[in-house]
Protein backbone atom coordinates (compact mmCIF):
# COMPACT_ATOMS: atom_id res chain seq x y z
CA MET A 1 -0.15 0.01 0.30
CA SER A 2 1.44 3.29 -0.80
CA ASP A 3 2.47 6.00 1.88
CA PRO A 4 -0.21 8.61 2.32
CA ARG A 5 2.03 11.35 2.50
CA VAL A 6 3.67 9.96 -1.13
CA ILE A 7 -0.29 9.97 -2.60
CA LYS A 8 -0.51 13.40 -1.29
CA LEU A 9 2.40 15.17 -2.35
CA ALA A 10 1.61 13.49 -6.22
CA ASP A 11 -1.63 14.88 -6.02
CA ILE A 12 -0.06 18.71 -5.36
CA LEU A 13 2.81 18.31 -7.94
CA VAL A 14 -0.48 17.36 -10.46
CA ASN A 15 -3.35 19.49 -9.37
CA TYR A 16 -2.13 22.19 -7.30
CA SER A 17 1.52 22.54 -8.72
CA LEU A 18 1.28 22.17 -12.13
CA LYS A 19 -2.70 22.16 -12.48
CA VAL A 20 -2.66 19.85 -15.34
CA LYS A 21 -5.43 20.18 -18.22
CA ARG A 22 -7.25 17.79 -20.29
CA GLY A 23 -5.25 17.21 -22.96
CA GLU A 24 -1.61 18.22 -21.95
CA ARG A 25 1.41 16.51 -22.78
CA VAL A 26 3.14 16.28 -19.41
CA LEU A 27 6.72 14.77 -19.08
CA ILE A 28 7.72 13.06 -16.33
CA ASN A 29 11.71 13.29 -15.76
CA VAL A 30 13.06 10.93 -13.46
CA SER A 31 16.61 10.56 -11.60
CA SER A 32 16.70 7.05 -11.01
CA GLU A 33 14.20 4.22 -10.27
CA LEU A 34 14.46 4.54 -6.67
CA ALA A 35 11.16 7.45 -6.90
CA LYS A 36 9.43 4.09 -8.12
CA PRO A 37 6.18 5.10 -5.42
CA LEU A 38 6.07 8.68 -6.28
CA VAL A 39 6.41 8.20 -10.55
CA LEU A 40 3.59 6.07 -10.24
CA GLU A 41 1.26 8.31 -8.35
CA VAL A 42 1.76 11.18 -10.16
CA TYR A 43 1.70 9.11 -13.80
CA LYS A 44 -2.07 8.14 -12.28
CA ASN A 45 -3.38 11.65 -11.19
CA VAL A 46 -1.73 12.70 -14.60
CA LEU A 47 -4.32 10.38 -16.56
CA LYS A 48 -7.04 11.11 -13.90
CA ALA A 49 -6.70 14.79 -14.97
CA GLY A 50 -7.25 13.68 -18.63
CA GLY A 51 -3.61 14.24 -19.93
CA HIS A 52 -0.71 12.25 -21.61
CA ALA A 53 2.17 11.14 -19.88
CA THR A 54 5.70 9.97 -20.62
CA VAL A 55 7.66 9.14 -17.85
CA ASN A 56 11.78 9.31 -19.18
CA ILE A 57 13.50 6.97 -16.07
CA ALA A 58 17.56 7.88 -15.86
CA PHE A 59 20.43 5.48 -14.39
CA GLU A 60 22.34 7.98 -11.95
CA GLU A 61 25.84 6.34 -13.02
CA THR A 62 25.31 7.27 -16.82
CA ALA A 63 26.22 10.74 -15.84
CA ASN A 64 29.74 9.54 -14.63
CA ILE A 65 30.22 7.00 -17.67
CA PHE A 66 29.27 9.74 -19.68
CA TYR A 67 32.09 12.53 -18.73
CA THR A 68 34.69 10.14 -18.23
CA LEU A 69 34.46 8.53 -21.68
CA ALA A 70 32.55 11.10 -24.33
CA ALA A 71 34.97 12.42 -26.77
CA LYS A 72 34.90 16.45 -27.12
CA GLU A 73 32.33 15.48 -30.49
CA GLN A 74 30.08 13.89 -28.00
CA LEU A 75 30.11 16.55 -25.20
CA LEU A 76 29.60 18.81 -28.42
CA ASP A 77 26.80 16.48 -29.88
CA PHE A 78 23.42 18.52 -29.36
CA PRO A 79 20.45 15.91 -28.42
CA LYS A 80 17.84 16.85 -30.74
CA ALA A 81 15.39 14.30 -29.65
CA LYS A 82 15.55 15.52 -26.12
CA PHE A 83 14.66 19.00 -27.55
CA PHE A 84 11.70 18.27 -29.65
CA GLU A 85 10.34 16.33 -26.55
CA ALA A 86 10.94 19.08 -24.24
CA LYS A 87 9.14 21.79 -27.12
CA GLY A 88 6.20 19.29 -27.70
CA ALA A 89 5.60 19.01 -23.52
CA ASP A 90 3.09 21.18 -21.79
CA CYS A 91 4.43 20.94 -18.46
CA VAL A 92 7.59 18.78 -16.84
CA VAL A 93 7.56 17.19 -13.19
CA HIS A 94 11.24 16.16 -12.31
CA ILE A 95 11.70 14.24 -9.43
CA ARG A 96 15.42 13.32 -7.94
CA ALA A 97 16.07 10.15 -6.39
CA SER A 98 19.68 9.94 -6.06
CA GLN A 99 22.06 6.93 -5.00
CA ASN A 100 25.06 9.00 -4.67
CA LYS A 101 25.18 12.47 -4.18
CA LYS A 102 28.82 12.65 -4.93
CA ALA A 103 28.59 10.91 -8.41
CA LEU A 104 30.10 13.93 -10.18
CA SER A 105 32.64 15.19 -7.63
CA ASN A 106 35.76 13.79 -9.57
CA VAL A 107 34.51 14.91 -13.15
CA ASP A 108 36.51 17.35 -14.83
CA SER A 109 34.83 20.68 -14.60
CA LYS A 110 35.56 21.98 -18.14
CA ALA A 111 33.80 19.12 -19.24
CA ILE A 112 30.64 19.88 -17.27
CA SER A 113 30.69 23.34 -18.63
CA MET A 114 31.58 22.17 -22.15
CA ARG A 115 27.76 20.06 -21.89
CA SER A 116 26.05 23.04 -19.76
CA LYS A 117 26.15 24.91 -23.00
CA VAL A 118 25.54 23.03 -25.53
CA LEU A 119 22.08 21.79 -23.41
CA MET A 120 21.12 25.31 -22.51
CA PRO A 121 18.41 25.21 -25.38
CA ILE A 122 16.84 22.82 -23.93
CA GLN A 123 16.83 24.21 -20.44
CA GLU A 124 15.33 27.36 -22.42
CA GLU A 125 12.71 25.81 -23.66
CA ILE A 126 11.89 23.62 -20.20
CA VAL A 127 12.55 26.26 -17.61
CA ASN A 128 11.66 29.64 -19.20
CA LYS A 129 8.49 28.70 -21.66
CA LYS A 130 6.92 25.78 -19.90
CA ARG A 131 5.17 24.83 -16.43
CA TRP A 132 7.49 22.82 -14.77
CA VAL A 133 7.95 21.56 -10.96
CA LEU A 134 10.99 19.86 -9.09
CA CYS A 135 10.95 17.49 -6.16
CA ASN A 136 12.90 15.11 -4.34
CA PHE A 137 12.34 11.32 -3.26
CA PRO A 138 13.39 10.54 -0.24
CA THR A 139 16.97 8.27 -0.78
CA ASN A 140 19.63 6.68 1.69
CA ALA A 141 21.91 9.04 0.07
CA LEU A 142 19.49 12.46 0.59
CA ALA A 143 18.99 11.16 4.31
CA GLN A 144 22.67 10.79 4.64
CA GLU A 145 23.69 13.87 3.13
CA THR A 146 21.58 15.44 5.83
CA ASP A 147 22.74 13.15 8.73
CA MET A 148 19.08 11.75 9.18
CA SER A 149 18.02 8.37 8.83
CA LEU A 150 16.23 7.42 6.16
CA GLU A 151 12.47 7.51 8.37
CA GLU A 152 13.97 11.13 9.65
CA TYR A 153 14.25 12.35 6.23
CA GLU A 154 10.89 11.57 5.08
CA ASP A 155 9.24 13.38 7.86
CA PHE A 156 11.59 16.02 7.25
CA LEU A 157 10.67 16.20 3.16
CA TYR A 158 6.96 15.67 3.59
CA GLY A 159 6.83 18.18 6.52
CA ALA A 160 7.99 20.77 4.09
CA THR A 161 6.09 19.98 1.00
CA ASN A 162 2.57 18.71 2.14
CA ILE A 163 1.74 22.14 3.90
CA ASP A 164 -1.20 24.48 3.33
CA TRP A 165 0.89 26.48 -0.05
CA GLU A 166 -2.21 29.30 -0.26
CA LYS A 167 -1.48 30.04 3.31
CA VAL A 168 2.07 30.47 2.44
CA LYS A 169 1.00 32.54 -0.63
CA LYS A 170 -0.40 35.19 1.39
CA GLU A 171 2.30 35.53 3.83
CA GLU A 172 4.60 36.47 1.04
CA MET A 173 2.65 38.85 -1.10
CA LYS A 174 3.79 41.11 1.95
CA LEU A 175 7.61 40.73 1.35
CA LYS A 176 6.73 41.21 -2.29
CA ARG A 177 5.16 44.84 -1.58
CA VAL A 178 8.18 46.09 -0.03
CA LEU A 179 10.61 44.65 -2.79
CA ASP A 180 8.73 45.86 -5.33
CA LYS A 181 8.50 49.50 -3.29
CA GLY A 182 12.19 49.29 -3.14
CA LYS A 183 15.26 50.72 -4.71
CA ILE A 184 18.42 49.47 -3.00
CA VAL A 185 18.73 46.26 -1.21
CA ARG A 186 21.88 45.96 1.46
CA ILE A 187 22.85 42.56 2.92
CA VAL A 188 24.72 42.79 6.05
CA GLY A 189 26.62 40.05 8.44
CA LYS A 190 29.85 37.78 9.01
CA ASP A 191 32.30 39.30 6.50
CA THR A 192 29.42 40.74 4.22
CA ASP A 193 28.31 44.31 2.96
CA LEU A 194 26.86 43.73 0.05
CA SER A 195 24.39 46.58 -1.73
CA MET A 196 22.45 46.08 -5.30
CA SER A 197 19.98 47.76 -7.42
CA ILE A 198 16.17 46.51 -7.68
CA LYS A 199 14.67 49.55 -9.36
CA GLY A 200 11.84 48.67 -11.28
CA ARG A 201 12.43 45.16 -10.95
CA LYS A 202 9.30 43.19 -9.26
CA ALA A 203 9.80 40.09 -7.28
CA ILE A 204 8.21 36.98 -7.61
CA PRO A 205 6.90 35.17 -4.52
CA CYS A 206 7.20 31.18 -4.84
CA PHE A 207 4.79 29.00 -3.19
CA GLY A 208 4.74 25.70 -4.37
CA GLU A 209 4.05 26.00 -8.16
CA ARG A 210 7.56 25.15 -9.26
CA ASN A 211 10.16 23.98 -6.55
CA MET A 212 8.58 21.58 -3.90
CA PRO A 213 9.65 22.15 -1.09
CA ASP A 214 8.84 25.51 -2.14
CA GLY A 215 9.18 29.06 0.24
CA GLU A 216 10.98 32.00 -1.15
CA VAL A 217 10.55 35.43 -3.08
CA PHE A 218 13.12 36.35 -5.59
CA LEU A 219 13.93 38.76 -7.65
CA SER A 220 16.56 39.46 -10.49
CA PRO A 221 18.97 42.46 -9.31
CA ILE A 222 20.07 45.35 -11.74
CA GLU A 223 22.74 43.64 -13.56
CA ASN A 224 25.60 45.96 -13.07
CA SER A 225 24.52 47.08 -9.67
CA ALA A 226 25.98 44.92 -6.85
CA GLU A 227 29.03 46.63 -4.99
CA GLY A 228 30.70 45.55 -2.12
CA LYS A 229 31.65 41.62 -0.48
CA ILE A 230 29.81 38.78 0.63
CA TYR A 231 30.98 35.64 1.88
CA TYR A 232 29.19 32.40 2.48
CA ASP A 233 29.20 30.33 5.39
CA LEU A 234 27.40 27.33 3.93
CA PRO A 235 28.83 24.99 1.77
CA ALA A 236 27.91 25.95 -2.33
CA ILE A 237 27.16 23.18 -4.35
CA TYR A 238 26.94 22.44 -8.07
CA GLN A 239 27.37 20.13 -10.55
CA GLY A 240 28.19 17.28 -7.46
CA LYS A 241 31.09 19.53 -6.06
CA GLU A 242 30.96 20.92 -2.78
CA VAL A 243 32.38 24.18 -2.57
CA LEU A 244 33.63 25.79 1.06
CA GLY A 245 34.14 29.24 2.75
CA ILE A 246 33.48 31.19 -0.62
CA HIS A 247 34.59 35.02 -0.86
CA LEU A 248 33.47 37.19 -3.55
CA LYS A 249 33.98 40.65 -4.13
CA PHE A 250 31.76 42.78 -6.59
CA ASN A 251 32.88 45.91 -8.80
CA GLU A 252 30.37 47.10 -11.20
CA GLY A 253 27.93 44.07 -10.72
CA LYS A 254 30.63 41.58 -11.83
CA VAL A 255 32.82 39.22 -9.52
CA VAL A 256 36.24 40.81 -9.33
CA GLU A 257 37.63 38.82 -6.78
CA ALA A 258 36.87 35.21 -5.68
CA SER A 259 38.63 32.59 -3.18
CA ALA A 260 37.15 29.19 -1.41
CA GLU A 261 38.71 27.17 1.47
CA LYS A 262 37.62 24.11 -1.01
CA ASN A 263 37.58 23.79 -4.88
CA GLU A 264 38.39 27.09 -5.35
CA LYS A 265 39.79 26.19 -8.93
CA PHE A 266 36.32 24.90 -9.37
CA LEU A 267 34.61 27.70 -8.17
CA ILE A 268 36.49 30.03 -10.96
CA ALA A 269 36.26 27.64 -13.64
CA MET A 270 32.47 28.10 -12.97
CA LEU A 271 32.37 31.98 -13.02
CA ASP A 272 34.35 32.16 -16.16
CA THR A 273 32.08 29.41 -17.91
CA ASP A 274 30.75 32.82 -20.47
CA LYS A 275 30.73 36.40 -20.14
CA GLY A 276 27.51 36.02 -17.98
CA GLY A 277 29.19 33.64 -15.14
CA ARG A 278 30.36 36.52 -13.23
CA TYR A 279 27.48 38.73 -12.88
CA LEU A 280 24.19 37.98 -10.56
CA GLY A 281 21.14 36.32 -11.94
CA GLU A 282 19.42 36.16 -8.28
CA LEU A 283 18.47 37.52 -5.57
CA GLY A 284 16.42 35.12 -2.99
CA ILE A 285 15.27 35.96 0.61
CA GLY A 286 13.94 32.12 2.06
CA THR A 287 10.52 32.10 4.09
CA ASN A 288 9.82 28.55 4.72
CA TYR A 289 10.80 28.41 8.43
CA GLY A 290 9.65 24.77 8.65
CA ILE A 291 12.91 23.96 6.77
CA ARG A 292 15.33 24.60 9.89
CA HIS A 293 18.70 23.24 8.97
CA PHE A 294 21.32 23.06 6.12
CA SER A 295 20.83 19.80 4.14
CA LYS A 296 23.19 20.35 1.36
CA ASP A 297 20.29 20.46 -1.44
CA ILE A 298 19.90 23.53 -2.77
CA LEU A 299 15.78 22.73 -3.36
CA PHE A 300 15.37 22.90 0.51
CA ASP A 301 18.34 25.06 1.76
CA GLU A 302 17.34 28.21 -0.62
CA LYS A 303 14.19 28.06 0.85
CA ILE A 304 15.55 28.34 4.43
CA GLY A 305 13.73 31.10 6.92
CA GLY A 306 15.83 33.63 7.89
CA THR A 307 18.68 33.20 5.02
CA VAL A 308 19.34 34.77 1.40
CA HIS A 309 20.87 33.61 -1.68
CA LEU A 310 22.10 34.96 -4.64
CA ALA A 311 22.72 33.91 -7.56
CA VAL A 312 25.78 34.23 -10.16
CA GLY A 313 25.01 33.48 -13.89
CA ARG A 314 21.67 33.41 -15.83
CA SER A 315 18.57 35.63 -14.68
CA TYR A 316 14.93 34.76 -15.06
CA LYS A 317 13.53 36.68 -17.82
CA ASP A 318 9.98 37.03 -15.86
CA ALA A 319 11.36 38.70 -13.37
CA GLY A 320 12.89 41.31 -15.44
CA GLY A 321 16.64 40.00 -15.56
CA LYS A 322 18.87 40.08 -18.84
CA ASN A 323 22.02 38.46 -17.66
CA GLU A 324 22.30 35.43 -19.89
CA SER A 325 24.69 32.31 -18.72
CA ALA A 326 25.02 28.71 -19.15
CA ILE A 327 25.09 28.83 -15.51
CA HIS A 328 22.82 29.33 -12.40
CA TRP A 329 24.50 28.82 -9.35
CA ASP A 330 22.42 29.82 -5.82
CA MET A 331 24.93 30.59 -2.74
CA ILE A 332 23.49 30.59 0.29
CA LYS A 333 23.86 33.37 3.26
CA ASP A 334 22.77 32.60 6.43
CA LEU A 335 21.56 35.33 8.36
CA ARG A 336 20.17 34.00 11.16
CA ASN A 337 23.06 34.60 13.81
CA GLY A 338 23.67 38.65 13.42
CA GLY A 339 22.54 39.68 9.87
CA THR A 340 20.58 42.11 8.61
CA ILE A 341 18.68 43.01 5.59
CA TYR A 342 18.07 46.95 4.66
CA VAL A 343 15.54 48.24 1.85
CA ASP A 344 16.26 52.14 0.69
CA GLY A 345 17.80 52.06 4.57
CA ARG A 346 15.03 50.48 6.35
CA LEU A 347 15.72 47.38 8.39
CA ILE A 348 13.25 44.53 6.77
CA GLN A 349 14.94 41.72 8.74
CA LYS A 350 17.17 41.09 11.72
CA ASN A 351 18.77 37.36 12.67
CA GLY A 352 16.59 35.88 9.92
CA ARG A 353 13.06 37.37 11.60
CA PHE A 354 11.34 39.93 9.46
CA CYS A 355 10.61 43.32 10.97
CA TYR A 356 8.77 45.11 8.47
C-alpha cells in the first residue's frame, strides 16, 4: 500500500503545482528508479486529470560514464530528440531520487561546463517557457547528506511539502510589496556588506508552483549594480561538487575577486564559463521556517527562513533579468545569527526574522 504522504505529494504536484488540464502533454523526468512509488502516483494523477504522460527514468551512473568516456565531439553533440520532446511538452515534473550525491565529484569541471552550454537551449525550452515543478523523493543518499535516517528524512521532506500553500502565498505577498517599492537592497553579516539595485524589478513569490518544497521571494538585481563583498558560510554545491568558504567581491555588478577554502579552481572555472557567469542573476529571500537546518540540497536550503541566496549566472526573464549564462549557481548566506537586510535603508529583517 502506498504511503499516504506520497499520494498527497503527487496530488499537490499534478493538481496544485502544475494544474494539469485535459489533453496536455506531461513529461515526468526521473533521476533514478528509486522514485518508483512517487512516479506511479504522479502518473495516475496525470491520467485522472485527462493528460498524456511520458515517463523518462535515468540511471544515475550514466552521467559519470558519459563525462569519463565522451570525446569532445560527443560533449558538443546536441540531443535533438530531447529538444523536440521538451518543445512538445506542456509541463514537466522533475523527480530527483539520488543514489550517490558525490557521483560527479571527480569529473572534469571543464567538461561539465562545455556540456552545460550545449544543453542550454533545452533548459530554455523547459525552464523559461513551460510549467514545471521539481521535487525530491526520499532516498538513503539524500538522508545521509543531511545526517538523518531515512525515516527522519521522510518526515523532513513531507513536512516541508505537504502544507497549506495558499497560506504561504498570503505571507509572501507582504514581502513582495516591500521589495516592489524598493530601490536598493543591502545585506549585512559576517564578512558581508553587499548592496544592489532592484529599481524597477518585480519580486516573484514562490509558493509551491515550481519547486517542492518552496518558500522564497526572489528577483533579478540590476546587472551592473552589485557593490561590496559577501562571505558564504554554508557550503555551495554545484554539479555535485562542494565548495566551502566562498568569498566574492563585486564591482559594478561583476565578481572581480573570488576565493574559496575548498575547490577554489572549480569555483573560478564556473565563474568563467561565459561572459555572464560573473554577474548576479538572482537575489532570493528564504521564507520557509519549517526547514530549520542545512541539508546540502539547494532545493531545500535556499528556502530556509532567515537566509538569502544570490545566484551567479543566468537571470530570470520573467523577473526582468537580462543576464545570460549557461550557469545558474545559487549560493546561500545564513543571516540568522547577526545578519540584517535593508531596503532603501529600512531594516526589514534582523537575525533571520522579518520586522516590517
